Amino acid sequence: MIDARNFMYMFYGFAAAFVILVVYVVSLALRERKLSSEIDRVRRMVEREK
């Protein structure tokens, strides 16, 4: 027979994995935004030099 505690542990495991995944995706999005703004800044600097 399957114990109800096993379902709780499974739920906690999936919840932890979901939270880790969300934090990772948000950090990737923030890095992408920072890189994009840095590329735009460098592009403007190069255009000024021409």
C-alpha atoms as a PDB file:
ATOM      1  CA  MET A   1       0.000   0.000   0.000  1.00  0.00           C
ATOM      2  CA  ILE A   2       1.198   3.513  -0.787  1.00  0.00           C
ATOM      3  CA  ASP A   3       1.660   5.721   2.259  1.00  0.00           C
ATOM      4  CA  ALA A   4       0.229   9.259   2.229  1.00  0.00           C
ATOM      5  CA  ARG A   5       3.605  10.568   3.426  1.00  0.00           C
ATOM      6  CA  ASN A   6       5.137   9.448   0.145  1.00  0.00           C
ATOM      7  CA  PHE A   7       2.730  11.714  -1.727  1.00  0.00           C
ATOM      8  CA  MET A   8       3.678  14.611   0.529  1.00  0.00           C
ATOM      9  CA  TYR A   9       7.390  13.991  -0.117  1.00  0.00           C
ATOM     10  CA  MET A  10       6.677  13.772  -3.830  1.00  0.00           C
ATOM     11  CA  PHE A  11       4.704  17.011  -3.683  1.00  0.00           C
ATOM     12  CA  TYR A  12       7.531  18.760  -1.807  1.00  0.00           C
ATOM     13  CA  GLY A  13      10.035  17.469  -4.344  1.00  0.00           C
ATOM     14  CA  PHE A  14       8.016  18.702  -7.301  1.00  0.00           C
ATOM     15  CA  ALA A  15       7.379  22.024  -5.565  1.00  0.00           C
ATOM     16  CA  ALA A  16      11.093  22.479  -4.899  1.00  0.00           C
ATOM     17  CA  ALA A  17      11.951  21.571  -8.495  1.00  0.00           C
ATOM     18  CA  PHE A  18       9.336  24.022  -9.775  1.00  0.00           C
ATOM     19  CA  VAL A  19      10.660  26.843  -7.580  1.00  0.00           C
ATOM     20  CA  ILE A  20      14.239  26.139  -8.683  1.00  0.00           C
ATOM     21  CA  LEU A  21      13.146  26.125 -12.329  1.00  0.00           C
ATOM     22  CA  VAL A  22      11.272  29.430 -11.968  1.00  0.00           C
ATOM     23  CA  VAL A  23      14.247  31.072 -10.257  1.00  0.00           C
ATOM     24  CA  TYR A  24      16.546  29.810 -13.019  1.00  0.00           C
ATOM     25  CA  VAL A  25      14.291  31.075 -15.819  1.00  0.00           C
ATOM     26  CA  VAL A  26      13.900  34.474 -14.141  1.00  0.00           C
ATOM     27  CA  SER A  27      17.675  34.749 -13.708  1.00  0.00           C
ATOM     28  CA  LEU A  28      18.163  33.897 -17.393  1.00  0.00           C
ATOM     29  CA  ALA A  29      15.643  36.551 -18.393  1.00  0.00           C
ATOM     30  CA  LEU A  30      17.371  39.162 -16.254  1.00  0.00           C
ATOM     31  CA  ARG A  31      20.769  38.256 -17.703  1.00  0.00           C
ATOM     32  CA  GLU A  32      19.370  38.449 -21.231  1.00  0.00           C
ATOM     33  CA  ARG A  33      17.929  41.892 -20.529  1.00  0.00           C
ATOM     34  CA  LYS A  34      21.251  43.096 -19.102  1.00  0.00           C
ATOM     35  CA  LEU A  35      23.196  41.723 -22.078  1.00  0.00           C
ATOM     36  CA  SER A  36      20.773  43.289 -24.521  1.00  0.00           C
ATOM     37  CA  SER A  37      21.136  46.711 -22.928  1.00  0.00           C
ATOM     38  CA  GLU A  38      24.928  46.309 -22.889  1.00  0.00           C
ATOM     39  CA  ILE A  39      24.931  45.426 -26.594  1.00  0.00           C
ATOM     40  CA  ASP A  40      22.792  48.488 -27.341  1.00  0.00           C
ATOM     41  CA  ARG A  41      25.180  50.675 -25.346  1.00  0.00           C
ATOM     42  CA  VAL A  42      28.201  49.320 -27.256  1.00  0.00           C
ATOM     43  CA  ARG A  43      26.350  49.724 -30.555  1.00  0.00           C
ATOM     44  CA  ARG A  44      25.678  53.397 -29.755  1.00  0.00           C
ATOM     45  CA  MET A  45      29.338  53.913 -28.835  1.00  0.00           C
ATOM     46  CA  VAL A  46      30.456  52.412 -32.131  1.00  0.00           C
ATOM     47  CA  GLU A  47      27.983  54.551 -34.092  1.00  0.00           C
ATOM     48  CA  ARG A  48      29.335  57.690 -32.398  1.00  0.00           C
ATOM     49  CA  GLU A  49      32.864  56.823 -33.473  1.00  0.00           C
ATOM     50  CA  LYS A  50      31.934  56.677 -37.168  1.00  0.00           C
END
